[in-house]
Each structure stands twice: as structure tokens, then as C-alpha cells.
Protein backbone atom coordinates (compact mmCIF):
# COMPACT_ATOMS: atom_id res chain seq x y z
CA MET A 1 16.78 -63.04 26.20
CA ALA A 2 16.95 -64.92 22.84
CA GLN A 3 17.62 -63.21 19.48
CA VAL A 4 14.48 -62.73 17.28
CA LEU A 5 14.97 -63.47 13.60
CA GLU A 6 12.45 -62.77 10.91
CA PHE A 7 11.81 -65.43 8.32
CA LYS A 8 10.52 -64.14 5.01
CA LEU A 9 8.59 -65.94 2.23
CA PRO A 10 11.32 -67.38 0.15
CA ASP A 11 11.43 -67.52 -3.70
CA LEU A 12 9.64 -70.87 -4.37
CA GLY A 13 10.51 -71.21 -8.04
CA GLU A 14 10.94 -69.66 -11.45
CA GLY A 15 8.59 -66.85 -12.18
CA LEU A 16 6.69 -67.08 -8.78
CA THR A 17 6.28 -63.78 -7.07
CA GLU A 18 3.59 -64.48 -4.48
CA ALA A 19 1.84 -67.33 -2.58
CA GLU A 20 -1.36 -67.83 -0.59
CA ILE A 21 -1.25 -69.17 3.06
CA VAL A 22 -3.32 -72.37 3.01
CA ARG A 23 -2.57 -73.67 6.45
CA TRP A 24 -0.35 -72.74 9.25
CA LEU A 25 1.54 -75.81 10.71
CA VAL A 26 2.74 -74.11 13.82
CA GLU A 27 1.33 -71.66 16.54
CA VAL A 28 2.78 -68.74 18.29
CA GLY A 29 4.84 -70.23 21.19
CA ASP A 30 5.60 -73.58 19.44
CA VAL A 31 9.19 -74.73 19.36
CA VAL A 32 10.50 -75.43 15.81
CA ALA A 33 13.57 -77.17 14.58
CA VAL A 34 15.75 -76.17 11.59
CA ASP A 35 14.08 -77.21 8.32
CA GLN A 36 10.71 -77.99 9.99
CA PRO A 37 7.80 -77.10 7.78
CA VAL A 38 5.88 -74.18 9.27
CA VAL A 39 3.22 -73.15 6.81
CA GLU A 40 1.63 -74.70 3.73
CA VAL A 41 1.20 -72.35 0.77
CA GLU A 42 -0.32 -72.49 -2.53
CA THR A 43 1.50 -70.87 -5.43
CA ALA A 44 0.40 -70.31 -9.01
CA LYS A 45 1.86 -73.75 -9.74
CA ALA A 46 1.77 -76.10 -6.71
CA MET A 47 1.07 -76.68 -3.02
CA VAL A 48 4.39 -76.30 -1.04
CA ASP A 49 5.22 -76.93 2.55
CA VAL A 50 7.70 -74.17 3.46
CA PRO A 51 10.50 -75.10 6.00
CA CYS A 52 11.95 -72.66 8.34
CA PRO A 53 15.71 -72.31 8.31
CA TYR A 54 15.86 -71.31 11.94
CA GLY A 55 15.36 -73.34 15.21
CA GLY A 56 13.65 -71.79 18.15
CA VAL A 57 10.37 -70.50 19.47
CA VAL A 58 7.81 -68.92 17.19
CA THR A 59 7.03 -65.40 18.44
CA ALA A 60 4.75 -64.11 15.75
CA ARG A 61 2.97 -65.07 12.45
CA PHE A 62 2.21 -62.66 9.69
CA GLY A 63 -0.98 -63.39 7.76
CA ALA A 64 -4.09 -65.44 8.26
CA GLU A 65 -4.94 -68.47 6.26
CA GLY A 66 -6.13 -67.23 2.84
CA THR A 67 -3.86 -64.19 2.86
CA GLU A 68 -1.76 -63.69 -0.33
CA LEU A 69 1.83 -62.57 0.38
CA PRO A 70 4.61 -61.45 -2.09
CA VAL A 71 7.92 -63.10 -2.13
CA GLY A 72 10.07 -61.44 0.55
CA ALA A 73 7.14 -60.59 2.87
CA PRO A 74 7.48 -61.62 6.55
CA LEU A 75 6.02 -65.05 7.32
CA LEU A 76 6.89 -65.39 11.01
CA THR A 77 9.62 -64.48 13.60
CA VAL A 78 11.51 -66.97 15.63
CA ALA A 79 13.50 -66.46 18.82
CA VAL A 80 16.72 -68.39 18.62
CA GLY A 81 19.80 -69.00 20.76
CA GLU A 82 21.35 -66.18 22.88
CA PRO A 83 21.28 -62.49 21.91
CA ALA A 84 24.25 -60.94 20.27
CA GLU A 85 26.75 -59.00 22.46
CA ASP A 86 26.03 -55.36 22.96
CA GLY A 87 28.22 -53.05 21.12
CA PRO A 88 28.68 -51.44 17.72
CA ALA A 89 27.70 -53.63 14.80
CA ASP A 90 31.12 -52.85 13.12
CA ASP A 91 32.91 -54.50 16.10
CA ALA A 92 30.90 -57.63 16.32
CA GLY A 93 32.42 -60.93 15.26
CA PRO A 94 31.01 -63.10 12.43
CA ALA A 95 29.12 -65.36 14.88
CA ASP A 96 27.87 -62.58 17.15
CA SER A 97 27.02 -59.80 14.65
CA ALA A 98 23.39 -58.63 14.43
CA ASP A 99 23.07 -59.70 10.84
CA GLY A 100 20.46 -62.36 11.55
CA ARG A 101 22.74 -65.06 12.83
CA GLY A 102 22.49 -66.48 16.34
CA ARG A 103 24.87 -68.77 18.25
CA SER A 104 22.76 -71.94 18.06
CA GLY A 105 19.91 -72.72 15.70
CA ALA A 106 20.59 -69.73 13.56
CA THR A 107 23.90 -70.87 12.35
CA GLU A 108 22.90 -74.36 11.60
CA GLY A 109 22.84 -75.53 8.04
CA SER A 110 19.42 -75.75 6.25
CA GLY A 111 19.04 -78.95 4.16
CA ASN A 112 16.01 -77.71 2.26
CA VAL A 113 17.29 -75.72 -0.57
CA LEU A 114 14.86 -73.29 -2.05
CA VAL A 115 15.78 -70.38 -4.27
CA GLY A 116 17.26 -67.59 -2.21
CA TYR A 117 17.58 -69.51 1.16
CA GLY A 118 18.40 -72.82 2.67
CA THR A 119 21.96 -72.81 1.98
CA SER A 120 24.82 -74.34 4.18
CA GLU A 121 24.50 -71.53 6.62
CA ALA A 122 21.67 -69.13 7.44
CA PRO A 123 22.01 -66.16 5.09
CA ALA A 124 23.01 -62.77 6.27
CA ARG A 125 19.95 -60.51 6.65
CA ARG A 126 19.66 -57.62 4.25
CA ARG A 127 19.14 -54.27 5.73
CA ARG A 128 15.63 -53.20 4.80
CA VAL A 129 15.44 -50.07 2.80
CA ARG A 130 13.69 -47.27 4.46
CA PRO A 131 12.59 -44.13 2.66
CA SER A 132 14.95 -42.03 4.71
CA ASP A 133 17.88 -44.12 3.47
CA ALA A 134 16.85 -43.90 -0.25
CA ALA A 135 16.17 -40.21 -0.20
CA PRO A 136 17.62 -38.09 2.64
CA ALA A 137 15.61 -35.13 1.56
CA LYS A 138 12.44 -36.79 2.57
CA ALA A 139 13.39 -36.89 6.27
CA ALA A 140 10.71 -34.37 7.05
CA ALA A 141 8.00 -36.86 5.98
CA PRO A 142 6.67 -39.13 8.71
CA ALA A 143 8.26 -42.69 8.49
CA ALA A 144 5.95 -45.65 7.80
CA PRO A 145 5.72 -47.86 10.92
CA PRO A 146 7.07 -51.40 10.61
CA PRO A 147 4.38 -54.08 10.06
CA ALA A 148 2.91 -55.59 13.19
CA PRO A 149 1.72 -59.16 13.44
CA VAL A 150 -1.99 -59.00 13.03
CA ALA A 151 -4.71 -61.72 12.31
CA ASN A 152 -5.07 -60.82 8.64
CA GLY A 153 -1.49 -60.08 7.73
CA HIS A 154 0.43 -56.74 7.73
CA PRO A 155 -1.84 -53.76 7.12
CA ARG A 156 -1.71 -52.04 3.77
CA ALA A 157 -2.50 -48.43 2.88
CA ALA A 158 -5.99 -47.79 1.49
CA GLU A 159 -4.48 -45.87 -1.47
CA PRO A 160 -0.92 -45.67 -2.53
CA ALA A 161 0.78 -42.19 -2.14
CA ALA A 162 1.31 -40.23 -5.22
CA ALA A 163 4.94 -40.18 -6.58
CA PRO A 164 6.97 -37.37 -4.88
CA ALA A 165 9.24 -35.04 -6.79
CA ARG A 166 12.65 -36.45 -7.52
CA THR A 167 15.37 -35.44 -5.19
CA PRO A 168 19.09 -35.27 -5.96
CA GLY A 169 19.97 -37.97 -3.32
CA ALA A 170 17.31 -40.38 -4.55
CA ALA A 171 19.53 -41.75 -7.40
CA ASP A 172 22.19 -42.84 -4.96
CA GLY A 173 20.28 -45.25 -2.75
CA PRO A 174 18.74 -48.69 -3.55
CA VAL A 175 15.19 -48.88 -4.77
CA PRO A 176 12.83 -50.51 -2.25
CA VAL A 177 11.33 -53.14 -4.47
CA ILE A 178 11.12 -56.87 -3.88
CA SER A 179 8.92 -58.11 -6.65
CA PRO A 180 10.34 -58.60 -10.19
CA LEU A 181 6.83 -58.16 -11.46
CA VAL A 182 6.80 -54.60 -10.08
CA ARG A 183 10.11 -53.81 -11.70
CA ARG A 184 8.99 -55.17 -15.01
CA LEU A 185 5.68 -53.32 -14.97
CA ALA A 186 7.42 -50.03 -14.17
CA ARG A 187 10.10 -50.63 -16.87
CA GLN A 188 7.44 -51.52 -19.54
CA ASN A 189 5.61 -48.29 -18.77
CA GLY A 190 8.67 -46.06 -18.45
CA LEU A 191 8.18 -45.31 -14.85
CA ASP A 192 11.24 -44.41 -12.67
CA LEU A 193 10.86 -46.34 -9.44
CA ARG A 194 13.26 -43.97 -7.62
CA GLU A 195 10.80 -41.29 -8.10
CA MET A 196 8.12 -43.18 -6.29
CA ALA A 197 7.18 -43.48 -2.57
CA GLY A 198 5.97 -46.97 -1.66
CA SER A 199 2.93 -47.67 0.56
CA GLY A 200 4.18 -51.00 1.76
CA PRO A 201 6.03 -51.73 4.96
CA GLU A 202 8.94 -49.32 5.45
CA GLY A 203 8.35 -47.68 2.07
CA LEU A 204 8.32 -50.87 0.07
CA ILE A 205 7.04 -50.19 -3.48
CA LEU A 206 4.15 -52.45 -4.26
CA ARG A 207 2.38 -53.28 -7.65
CA ALA A 208 -0.63 -51.21 -6.37
CA ASP A 209 1.75 -48.19 -6.14
CA VAL A 210 2.90 -48.61 -9.81
CA GLU A 211 -0.72 -49.13 -11.10
CA TYR A 212 -1.75 -45.99 -9.10
CA ALA A 213 0.99 -44.03 -10.71
CA LEU A 214 -0.12 -45.23 -14.15
CA ARG A 215 -3.67 -44.31 -13.53
CA ALA A 216 -2.61 -40.84 -12.33
CA ALA A 217 -0.52 -40.35 -15.47
CA ALA A 218 -3.37 -41.46 -17.68
CA ALA A 219 -5.75 -39.13 -15.88
CA GLN A 220 -3.35 -36.21 -16.45
CA GLY A 221 -3.13 -37.11 -20.11
CA ARG A 222 -7.01 -37.07 -20.39
CA THR A 223 -7.10 -33.71 -18.70
CA ALA A 224 -4.65 -32.26 -21.11
CA THR A 225 -6.65 -33.34 -24.16
CA THR A 226 -7.90 -30.39 -26.13
CA ALA A 227 -11.62 -29.97 -26.77
CA GLY A 228 -11.22 -30.27 -30.57
CA GLU A 229 -9.15 -33.43 -30.42
CA PRO A 230 -11.09 -36.72 -30.93
CA ARG A 231 -10.88 -38.97 -27.97
CA THR A 232 -10.46 -42.68 -28.45
CA GLN A 233 -12.91 -44.82 -26.56
CA THR A 234 -11.41 -47.52 -24.32
CA THR A 235 -12.76 -50.34 -22.38
CA THR A 236 -11.80 -48.49 -19.12
CA ASP A 237 -14.37 -45.77 -19.94
CA ALA A 238 -17.31 -48.17 -19.30
CA PRO A 239 -16.94 -49.45 -15.73
CA ALA A 240 -17.65 -53.13 -15.07
CA PRO A 241 -20.61 -53.86 -12.92
CA ALA A 242 -19.88 -53.42 -9.31
CA ALA A 243 -19.67 -56.34 -6.85
CA GLY A 244 -23.05 -57.17 -5.48
CA THR A 245 -24.92 -56.41 -8.63
CA PRO A 246 -27.65 -58.95 -9.03
CA GLY A 247 -26.71 -61.66 -11.57
CA VAL A 248 -22.97 -60.68 -11.52
CA THR A 249 -20.24 -62.80 -9.83
CA ARG A 250 -16.69 -61.68 -9.54
CA VAL A 251 -14.01 -64.41 -9.44
CA PRO A 252 -10.43 -63.25 -8.41
CA LEU A 253 -7.80 -64.01 -10.91
CA LYS A 254 -5.30 -65.60 -8.62
CA GLY A 255 -3.45 -68.84 -8.11
CA ILE A 256 -3.29 -71.16 -11.08
CA ARG A 257 -6.15 -69.14 -12.88
CA GLY A 258 -4.26 -65.85 -12.52
CA THR A 259 -0.94 -67.39 -13.70
CA VAL A 260 -2.59 -68.92 -16.72
CA ALA A 261 -4.25 -65.65 -17.52
CA ASP A 262 -1.01 -63.70 -17.32
CA LYS A 263 0.89 -66.34 -19.36
CA LEU A 264 -1.66 -66.45 -22.12
CA SER A 265 -1.95 -62.69 -22.31
CA ARG A 266 1.85 -62.40 -22.48
CA SER A 267 1.95 -64.96 -25.21
CA ARG A 268 -0.57 -63.20 -27.37
CA THR A 269 1.16 -59.85 -26.83
CA GLU A 270 4.78 -61.06 -27.49
CA ILE A 271 4.52 -63.87 -29.82
CA PRO A 272 3.45 -63.46 -33.46
CA ASP A 273 2.02 -66.96 -33.79
CA ALA A 274 0.64 -68.79 -36.75
CA THR A 275 -1.09 -72.13 -36.92
CA CYS A 276 -1.16 -74.87 -39.59
CA TRP A 277 -3.07 -78.23 -39.38
CA VAL A 278 -3.54 -81.47 -41.16
CA ASP A 279 -5.75 -84.59 -40.90
CA ALA A 280 -3.92 -87.86 -40.52
CA ASP A 281 -4.90 -91.52 -40.73
CA ALA A 282 -4.00 -92.97 -37.28
CA THR A 283 -5.25 -96.47 -37.96
CA GLU A 284 -1.78 -97.97 -38.23
CA LEU A 285 -0.56 -96.09 -35.06
CA MET A 286 -3.45 -97.56 -33.07
CA ARG A 287 -2.65 -101.06 -34.50
CA THR A 288 0.99 -100.63 -33.47
CA ARG A 289 -0.04 -99.60 -29.96
CA ALA A 290 -2.40 -102.60 -29.67
CA ALA A 291 0.48 -104.96 -30.85
CA MET A 292 2.83 -103.37 -28.22
CA ASN A 293 0.28 -103.89 -25.37
CA ALA A 294 -0.48 -107.40 -26.51
CA ALA A 295 3.14 -108.34 -26.16
CA GLY A 296 2.99 -108.00 -22.35
CA GLY A 297 4.69 -105.50 -19.96
CA PRO A 298 3.56 -102.19 -19.11
CA ARG A 299 0.81 -100.74 -21.30
CA ILE A 300 1.85 -97.98 -23.75
CA SER A 301 -0.29 -94.85 -23.97
CA VAL A 302 -1.19 -92.99 -27.16
CA LEU A 303 0.26 -89.92 -25.55
CA ALA A 304 3.68 -91.58 -25.19
CA LEU A 305 3.67 -92.60 -28.84
CA LEU A 306 2.96 -89.03 -29.90
CA ALA A 307 5.59 -87.70 -27.59
CA ARG A 308 8.05 -90.04 -29.13
CA ILE A 309 7.10 -88.81 -32.61
CA CYS A 310 7.38 -85.20 -31.44
CA THR A 311 11.02 -85.68 -30.17
CA ALA A 312 11.99 -87.43 -33.46
CA ALA A 313 10.36 -84.46 -35.33
CA LEU A 314 12.22 -81.95 -33.27
CA ALA A 315 15.60 -83.66 -33.99
CA ARG A 316 14.81 -82.98 -37.74
CA PHE A 317 13.55 -79.43 -37.06
CA PRO A 318 15.28 -78.00 -34.04
CA GLU A 319 14.26 -74.44 -34.87
CA LEU A 320 10.96 -75.26 -33.03
CA ASN A 321 12.77 -76.43 -29.84
CA SER A 322 13.75 -72.87 -29.01
CA SER A 323 12.76 -69.53 -27.51
CA VAL A 324 13.28 -65.92 -28.20
CA ASP A 325 15.44 -63.68 -25.95
CA THR A 326 13.80 -60.32 -26.81
CA GLY A 327 16.29 -58.29 -24.84
CA ALA A 328 19.26 -59.69 -26.77
CA ARG A 329 17.23 -60.08 -30.05
CA GLU A 330 18.52 -63.67 -30.28
CA ILE A 331 16.84 -67.04 -30.93
CA VAL A 332 17.86 -69.53 -28.24
CA GLN A 333 17.96 -73.15 -29.49
CA TYR A 334 18.02 -76.09 -27.04
CA ALA A 335 19.91 -79.41 -27.60
CA ASP A 336 17.58 -81.18 -25.17
CA VAL A 337 13.80 -81.68 -25.39
CA HIS A 338 11.97 -81.04 -22.11
CA LEU A 339 8.39 -81.86 -23.17
CA GLY A 340 5.55 -80.16 -21.45
CA PHE A 341 1.99 -81.58 -21.64
CA ALA A 342 -1.30 -79.93 -20.73
CA ALA A 343 -3.09 -81.56 -17.85
CA GLN A 344 -6.52 -80.41 -16.66
CA THR A 345 -7.02 -80.63 -12.86
CA ASP A 346 -9.66 -79.46 -10.35
CA ARG A 347 -7.30 -76.56 -9.57
CA GLY A 348 -7.10 -75.57 -13.27
CA LEU A 349 -4.79 -76.14 -16.23
CA VAL A 350 -1.17 -77.06 -15.50
CA VAL A 351 1.68 -77.93 -17.80
CA PRO A 352 3.94 -80.59 -16.21
CA VAL A 353 7.40 -81.07 -17.88
CA VAL A 354 8.98 -84.40 -18.84
CA ARG A 355 12.69 -83.89 -18.60
CA ASP A 356 14.92 -85.14 -21.37
CA ALA A 357 12.01 -86.60 -23.33
CA HIS A 358 14.31 -87.25 -26.28
CA THR A 359 16.23 -89.84 -24.33
CA ARG A 360 13.17 -91.83 -23.32
CA ASP A 361 11.47 -94.74 -24.95
CA ALA A 362 7.72 -95.36 -25.07
CA GLU A 363 7.66 -97.28 -21.73
CA SER A 364 9.52 -94.53 -19.86
CA LEU A 365 7.37 -91.72 -21.44
CA THR A 366 4.20 -93.60 -20.40
CA ALA A 367 5.36 -93.97 -16.74
CA GLU A 368 6.59 -90.42 -16.55
CA PHE A 369 3.26 -89.06 -17.98
CA ALA A 370 1.33 -91.18 -15.47
CA ARG A 371 3.41 -90.06 -12.55
CA LEU A 372 3.20 -86.30 -13.41
CA THR A 373 -0.55 -86.57 -14.18
CA GLU A 374 -1.19 -88.14 -10.77
CA ALA A 375 0.84 -85.48 -8.99
CA ALA A 376 -0.98 -82.76 -10.83
CA ARG A 377 -4.37 -84.07 -9.72
CA ALA A 378 -3.12 -84.45 -6.13
CA GLY A 379 -1.71 -80.94 -6.22
CA THR A 380 1.71 -82.22 -5.28
CA LEU A 381 3.63 -81.03 -8.30
CA THR A 382 6.88 -79.14 -7.39
CA PRO A 383 7.93 -75.90 -9.10
CA ALA A 384 10.69 -77.92 -10.81
CA ASP A 385 7.99 -80.23 -12.31
CA LEU A 386 6.27 -77.12 -13.91
CA THR A 387 9.10 -75.09 -15.42
CA GLY A 388 11.83 -75.44 -17.90
CA GLY A 389 9.84 -76.77 -20.85
CA THR A 390 11.13 -76.36 -24.40
CA PHE A 391 8.12 -77.64 -26.39
CA THR A 392 4.46 -78.52 -25.35
CA LEU A 393 2.19 -81.38 -26.46
CA ASN A 394 -1.58 -80.58 -25.97
CA ASN A 395 -3.87 -83.56 -26.22
CA TYR A 396 -7.23 -81.71 -26.33
CA GLY A 397 -8.78 -84.73 -27.91
CA VAL A 398 -9.67 -86.10 -24.31
CA PHE A 399 -12.26 -83.22 -24.27
CA GLY A 400 -14.02 -84.76 -27.27
CA VAL A 401 -13.04 -82.09 -29.79
CA ASP A 402 -11.48 -82.53 -33.14
CA GLY A 403 -9.43 -79.36 -33.59
CA SER A 404 -8.08 -76.23 -31.84
CA THR A 405 -5.64 -73.36 -32.44
CA PRO A 406 -3.42 -73.62 -29.18
CA ILE A 407 -1.81 -70.56 -27.72
CA VAL A 408 1.96 -71.02 -27.47
CA ASN A 409 3.17 -71.65 -23.98
CA HIS A 410 5.41 -68.69 -23.41
CA PRO A 411 8.44 -68.66 -23.60
CA GLU A 412 8.45 -71.73 -25.80
CA ALA A 413 8.31 -71.34 -29.61
CA ALA A 414 5.66 -74.05 -30.52
CA MET A 415 2.94 -76.35 -29.43
CA LEU A 416 1.57 -79.45 -31.08
CA GLY A 417 -2.27 -79.97 -30.60
CA VAL A 418 -3.93 -83.37 -31.06
CA GLY A 419 -7.62 -83.78 -31.48
CA ARG A 420 -9.72 -86.96 -30.76
CA ILE A 421 -9.15 -90.11 -32.89
CA VAL A 422 -12.52 -91.13 -34.37
CA PRO A 423 -13.66 -93.28 -37.19
CA LYS A 424 -14.30 -91.33 -40.37
CA PRO A 425 -14.66 -92.02 -44.15
CA TRP A 426 -11.18 -91.98 -45.60
CA VAL A 427 -9.71 -92.76 -49.15
CA HIS A 428 -7.38 -95.68 -48.40
CA GLU A 429 -5.34 -97.30 -51.26
CA GLY A 430 -7.78 -95.94 -53.78
CA GLU A 431 -10.94 -96.92 -51.97
CA LEU A 432 -13.36 -95.37 -49.56
CA ALA A 433 -12.97 -96.92 -46.08
CA VAL A 434 -13.64 -96.17 -42.45
CA ARG A 435 -10.43 -95.16 -40.79
CA GLN A 436 -9.21 -93.83 -37.47
CA VAL A 437 -8.57 -90.12 -38.21
CA VAL A 438 -7.07 -87.47 -36.10
CA GLN A 439 -6.52 -83.72 -36.64
CA LEU A 440 -3.02 -82.42 -35.78
CA SER A 441 -2.36 -78.67 -35.34
CA LEU A 442 0.90 -76.81 -34.89
CA THR A 443 0.94 -73.25 -33.50
CA PHE A 444 4.44 -71.72 -33.70
CA ASP A 445 6.28 -68.48 -33.18
CA HIS A 446 6.87 -66.99 -36.67
CA ARG A 447 10.03 -65.28 -35.43
CA VAL A 448 11.94 -68.57 -35.07
CA CYS A 449 11.01 -70.05 -38.42
CA ASP A 450 9.02 -69.70 -41.64
CA GLY A 451 6.02 -71.66 -42.80
CA GLY A 452 8.35 -74.16 -44.63
CA THR A 453 9.90 -75.31 -41.42
CA ALA A 454 6.56 -75.55 -39.42
CA GLY A 455 4.87 -77.32 -42.37
CA GLY A 456 7.80 -79.81 -42.71
CA PHE A 457 7.57 -80.59 -38.90
CA LEU A 458 3.88 -81.11 -39.05
CA ARG A 459 4.06 -83.24 -42.22
CA TYR A 460 6.80 -85.42 -40.59
CA VAL A 461 4.50 -85.86 -37.51
CA ALA A 462 1.58 -86.90 -39.62
CA ASP A 463 3.75 -89.36 -41.72
CA CYS A 464 4.79 -91.03 -38.53
CA VAL A 465 1.14 -91.20 -37.28
CA GLU A 466 0.12 -92.84 -40.62
CA GLN A 467 3.19 -95.13 -40.90
CA PRO A 468 4.81 -95.60 -37.57
CA ALA A 469 7.55 -97.69 -39.32
CA VAL A 470 9.01 -94.25 -40.50
CA LEU A 471 10.38 -93.88 -36.99
CA LEU A 472 12.51 -96.92 -37.45
CA ARG A 473 14.96 -94.88 -39.39
CA THR A 474 15.99 -92.83 -36.40
CA LEU A 475 15.64 -95.37 -33.55
């Protein structure tokens, strides 16, 4: 009888804590090879084919198509090789121990390297934390049964259990939490995860458990409010219309839409932003682009010229190519410019990142913008294409609007917004003329610099737009 190994949803990239199953690529009973894609998932940033690091026979799948799973949740189980020899785990050899490694496919190297798995050898399985391990005093409570493979994913409790009283042994064991989002939510609200009992498989603490504990604490606080003390009205006091109410449609905040909502909310919460703007005469910039394209070779885009101007401006004002480490209370400045740009797709707004934009010329920038835009529309951007930006360029002029006050793309420190370029009356060389005018806006984190730096950056960008020859000084 072969050894059955469990393959869990791996960490697919920076900041991703969950993924939705789009399509299974294998059935129960199918034979899979090492690194063979077994499921297609949609994260908040991209569509990803997930390869399995084990070779063998699929014995179970966890979750139906459309199910959303957290990172670390079981995806499927695979029967591989021969079973380990019977005997105590402490006496087993490295190749035969029951740590998740078999004698054949399980020990083969995985070429697909994702975060947390796919290394040169199959990783040792971590012992799953059970409530009895973390808190021996809870032994009298019934143990949660392990998840069984069902059509719609592993079952979840209808309502998370209330946090039990803290026991002396609870502080000694590991906390059964997988998601960093759950840890952060608990930390921000002063909750001790060691005092909570999870409703997930084998006592795993889920986000729903933390939210339930917060609601319970809020309810206790309201109960303790004295009759003579004024009560502040909050938005939670007026319930939203229930599902099924005529004329009301509820749209789940998940996938890209959910990630955008979380990121924008975090930006507004953490970043004290300010915006300055200026109108600029882009007539000479458009003439310069026309001359470049008339000379032959690949056509140069306006976005590429604006990106080249941005990188030159960031070289003069490096304070804006930075982020804030709130934990260390430090400003982190970056020598390299990884330029993000907003791209609207059918799946929502995404911000692909052009690596090392400061080292690229207009032709290279044009080609990279085109490649990333096409990948964004096709839904084939990788997590690496969507992370690591240090500054963002937002060309909202493509929507036919003149101006905007962009929200900073957390954790970056600034974003340059560009409106449409349209003919407008303009005083040129002392006379009224029709010129190609564009509005530029800069939203910046006021913690990294003052208005003088932000204004200097924006003024330099505007000068380069009005007189592209200014760039020749730094080329």
C-alpha cells in the first residue's frame, strides 16, 4: 500500500493569503507526475496553475470549483511510492520517516519554485497543531474531526466557538494559525490568539473566529454602557438590507475587487496623503513623440515618455521613491525604480510593475508596457509581475477625464496621475493660442517629505513635458 501525502495550497506570492479554485486539472484516480499542474486557481492578482510536488495517484480532492481556500488548506492527497517501515517515528531513517517523504516520487526534486514549496527536495511535513497539543487542559473537550474530502470543500462550523479561558499550558504550545491576515487582525485589535479556540480543521483559528471574538467583545462593551452615558451611533447599528431584498444586489468583495478594496482602505488608514497638481503644455512633448515615430523603428508610446520623465524626476527627488516601515519608524528609500502603472481589465484594476524602469529607454519602456498590458488583459500576469513596485504612474486620461486625486498604492509613497491631453486656450510666448494641455497630479505620503519636495518633483515633471529637451541634461 502506497504512502498518502497531503498537498496544501502553497503561498503563491507576496501578500496573498487565499485563492479560489477555478478548474481542477486532475480527477480522483488520475496518475500525476512531479511538477504536473493539478489545479487552476485565481488569486487576488492573477490566474495560476498550481503544480504538485509529488508524483503518484490522486486519492482525494478538497474543494469544488468556485471554492475559496486559505493558504495552507489541503488541496488534494496523493498516494506515492511504498509506505514507510513500521516502527517508532524516532527510529525511522531520513528516507523512510513518516514526515511526508516517500521512497520514490516524494523525494524527487520539484522544479517549480513557489513560496514555501518546490525546493530541491519535498519539504518535511509540519505536524498539524491540535487543540490538545496547544492546551493540555482542554483534553476533556471533544476533539475536532479532521476534514473529509467533500464536493464543496472541507466543512466549516456554522458559528465559531467563543474564546475559552486561558490555561497555564496554553502559552507553551504553538498557536494554530496559518493566515498572516488573521495574525495581523488579532494583533491590531489586541486579541491574544492563545486564548482562542479555532473552528477550523483540527482547531485552526480562522478569520471568522477573530471577527466573532471582536463582535463578542463589542457586545459586552455595549452591555456595560451605563444608562446615563451617551452612546455614539455607528454604521453597524443600522443593518444593511438583507440578501433577497427587491432592488438590492450583493456583490462579494473577493478576488481582485477584494484586494483593491483592502489595499485602498489600508492606504487611506495608514498614509497621511496630500495632493498637488499643475497644468502643463504638452505640445512639444507630442511633437517630439511624432518625430521619434517618423524616424522609423518601434513606435513610442506617450506613457513610455512620461515614465522616462518620472524616472528622471525620481533621480532628483529620491524621497518619493520610498516607503515607510511603521514598525521600525523608518523611511526606506530605494535606489532602483520599479515603476507600477494602473491597467484596467475585465477582471478589475491591476498594477503591473516594470522592473528597473530607470535603466530603460523609451523603446524598452514601450515594449514592456505593451507586454504587461496584454498579459493583464489575458489574466496571465504572475505574482512577480504585480509586486515590488516603488512608484506608480496612473494614466487616467484614457478614461477621458482631466484630473483626479489618486490614492497612493500602499506601501509606496507617491503616485503621479496624468489626465487627458486635449486642445485648450493657452498663453504661449505672450499670445493666446490653442495648445495641447494636460493636468498632472501628485499624491504623496506626507511622512516621507514636505510640500517643497513634492512640488519640486511635480514642477520638474511639468518642465520636461513642456520642454522635453530638459531631459537631455541627464541622458
